[in-house]
């Protein structure tokens, strides 16, 4: 979608998401996707009884 709206070539888009070049946007998107699950799971996992 972004490529269509911005009219940018694929090569430039891949450069924007390159972790080796210090682009952390991919990690932010990954965190946004995973964080709710991790927080929900940490709340609902029963604690081990002693």
N, C-alpha and C. Protein backbone atom coordinates (compact mmCIF):
# COMPACT_ATOMS: atom_id res chain seq x y z
N UNK A 1 0.83 -1.19 0.00
CA UNK A 1 0.00 0.00 0.00
C UNK A 1 0.88 1.26 0.00
N UNK A 2 1.89 1.24 0.85
CA UNK A 2 2.76 2.41 0.94
C UNK A 2 3.46 2.68 -0.40
N UNK A 3 3.89 1.61 -1.05
CA UNK A 3 4.59 1.78 -2.32
C UNK A 3 3.67 2.44 -3.34
N UNK A 4 2.42 2.06 -3.35
CA UNK A 4 1.47 2.63 -4.30
C UNK A 4 1.23 4.10 -4.00
N UNK A 5 1.07 4.43 -2.71
CA UNK A 5 0.78 5.81 -2.35
C UNK A 5 1.98 6.73 -2.55
N UNK A 6 3.17 6.24 -2.25
CA UNK A 6 4.37 7.08 -2.31
C UNK A 6 5.07 7.02 -3.67
N UNK A 7 4.71 6.06 -4.52
CA UNK A 7 5.34 5.89 -5.84
C UNK A 7 6.85 5.73 -5.71
N UNK A 8 7.25 4.89 -4.75
CA UNK A 8 8.67 4.64 -4.52
C UNK A 8 9.05 3.28 -5.07
N UNK A 9 10.26 3.13 -5.60
CA UNK A 9 10.69 1.83 -6.12
C UNK A 9 10.93 0.82 -4.99
N UNK A 10 10.84 -0.47 -5.33
CA UNK A 10 11.01 -1.52 -4.35
C UNK A 10 12.38 -1.44 -3.68
N UNK A 11 13.40 -1.13 -4.44
CA UNK A 11 14.76 -1.06 -3.89
C UNK A 11 14.83 -0.04 -2.74
N UNK A 12 14.19 1.08 -2.91
CA UNK A 12 14.19 2.10 -1.86
C UNK A 12 13.39 1.64 -0.64
N UNK A 13 12.30 0.94 -0.87
CA UNK A 13 11.50 0.42 0.24
C UNK A 13 12.27 -0.63 1.03
N UNK A 14 12.98 -1.52 0.35
CA UNK A 14 13.79 -2.52 1.04
C UNK A 14 14.89 -1.85 1.83
N UNK A 15 15.43 -0.78 1.34
CA UNK A 15 16.45 -0.03 2.08
C UNK A 15 15.86 0.57 3.36
N UNK A 16 14.63 1.03 3.31
CA UNK A 16 13.98 1.61 4.48
C UNK A 16 13.74 0.59 5.59
N UNK A 17 13.62 -0.69 5.23
CA UNK A 17 13.34 -1.73 6.22
C UNK A 17 14.56 -2.61 6.49
N UNK A 18 15.76 -2.13 6.18
CA UNK A 18 16.99 -2.89 6.34
C UNK A 18 17.51 -2.77 7.77
N UNK A 19 17.43 -3.87 8.54
CA UNK A 19 17.90 -3.85 9.93
C UNK A 19 19.41 -3.66 10.01
N UNK A 20 20.13 -4.19 9.04
CA UNK A 20 21.59 -4.07 9.05
C UNK A 20 22.03 -2.61 8.90
N UNK A 21 21.19 -1.79 8.31
CA UNK A 21 21.51 -0.37 8.12
C UNK A 21 21.00 0.47 9.29
N UNK A 22 20.50 -0.18 10.34
CA UNK A 22 20.03 0.55 11.51
C UNK A 22 18.59 0.99 11.43
N UNK A 23 17.85 0.45 10.50
CA UNK A 23 16.43 0.80 10.38
C UNK A 23 15.63 -0.08 11.33
N UNK A 24 15.06 0.49 12.35
CA UNK A 24 14.37 -0.29 13.38
C UNK A 24 12.85 -0.31 13.21
N UNK A 25 12.35 0.26 12.16
CA UNK A 25 10.90 0.30 11.93
C UNK A 25 10.31 -1.10 11.91
N UNK A 26 11.03 -2.06 11.34
CA UNK A 26 10.55 -3.44 11.31
C UNK A 26 10.38 -3.98 12.72
N UNK A 27 11.31 -3.67 13.60
CA UNK A 27 11.21 -4.14 14.99
C UNK A 27 10.04 -3.50 15.71
N UNK A 28 9.76 -2.26 15.40
CA UNK A 28 8.62 -1.57 16.01
C UNK A 28 7.31 -2.23 15.57
N UNK A 29 7.21 -2.53 14.30
CA UNK A 29 6.00 -3.20 13.80
C UNK A 29 5.85 -4.58 14.42
N UNK A 30 6.95 -5.29 14.55
CA UNK A 30 6.93 -6.61 15.17
C UNK A 30 6.49 -6.51 16.63
N UNK A 31 7.02 -5.54 17.36
CA UNK A 31 6.65 -5.34 18.77
C UNK A 31 5.16 -5.01 18.91
N UNK A 32 4.65 -4.15 18.03
CA UNK A 32 3.24 -3.78 18.07
C UNK A 32 2.36 -5.00 17.84
N UNK A 33 2.82 -5.92 17.01
CA UNK A 33 2.05 -7.13 16.74
C UNK A 33 2.11 -8.15 17.85
N UNK A 34 3.25 -8.26 18.52
CA UNK A 34 3.45 -9.31 19.51
C UNK A 34 3.14 -8.87 20.94
N UNK A 35 3.35 -7.61 21.26
CA UNK A 35 3.21 -7.12 22.64
C UNK A 35 1.86 -7.42 23.28
N UNK A 36 0.74 -7.18 22.61
CA UNK A 36 -0.55 -7.47 23.26
C UNK A 36 -0.68 -8.93 23.68
N UNK A 37 -0.23 -9.83 22.83
CA UNK A 37 -0.28 -11.26 23.17
C UNK A 37 0.59 -11.56 24.39
N UNK A 38 1.80 -11.02 24.41
CA UNK A 38 2.70 -11.28 25.53
C UNK A 38 2.15 -10.73 26.84
N UNK A 39 1.60 -9.53 26.81
CA UNK A 39 1.03 -8.95 28.03
C UNK A 39 -0.19 -9.73 28.50
N UNK A 40 -1.06 -10.11 27.57
CA UNK A 40 -2.24 -10.88 27.94
C UNK A 40 -1.83 -12.21 28.53
N UNK A 41 -0.87 -12.84 27.92
CA UNK A 41 -0.42 -14.14 28.40
C UNK A 41 0.23 -14.03 29.79
N UNK A 42 0.99 -12.98 30.01
CA UNK A 42 1.62 -12.82 31.33
C UNK A 42 0.59 -12.60 32.44
N UNK A 43 -0.54 -12.05 32.10
CA UNK A 43 -1.59 -11.81 33.09
C UNK A 43 -2.40 -13.08 33.35
N UNK A 44 -2.67 -13.87 32.30
CA UNK A 44 -3.57 -15.01 32.43
C UNK A 44 -2.90 -16.32 32.76
N UNK A 45 -1.59 -16.41 32.69
CA UNK A 45 -0.90 -17.66 33.03
C UNK A 45 -0.97 -17.86 34.54
N UNK A 46 -1.53 -19.00 34.97
CA UNK A 46 -1.64 -19.22 36.42
C UNK A 46 -0.25 -19.41 37.03
N UNK A 47 -0.09 -18.89 38.23
CA UNK A 47 1.17 -19.01 38.94
C UNK A 47 1.26 -20.41 39.54
N UNK A 48 2.46 -20.97 39.62
CA UNK A 48 2.65 -22.28 40.20
C UNK A 48 2.46 -22.20 41.71
N UNK A 49 1.69 -23.15 42.22
CA UNK A 49 1.43 -23.20 43.65
C UNK A 49 2.65 -23.78 44.37
N UNK A 50 2.95 -23.22 45.53
CA UNK A 50 4.08 -23.72 46.32
C UNK A 50 3.63 -24.72 47.34
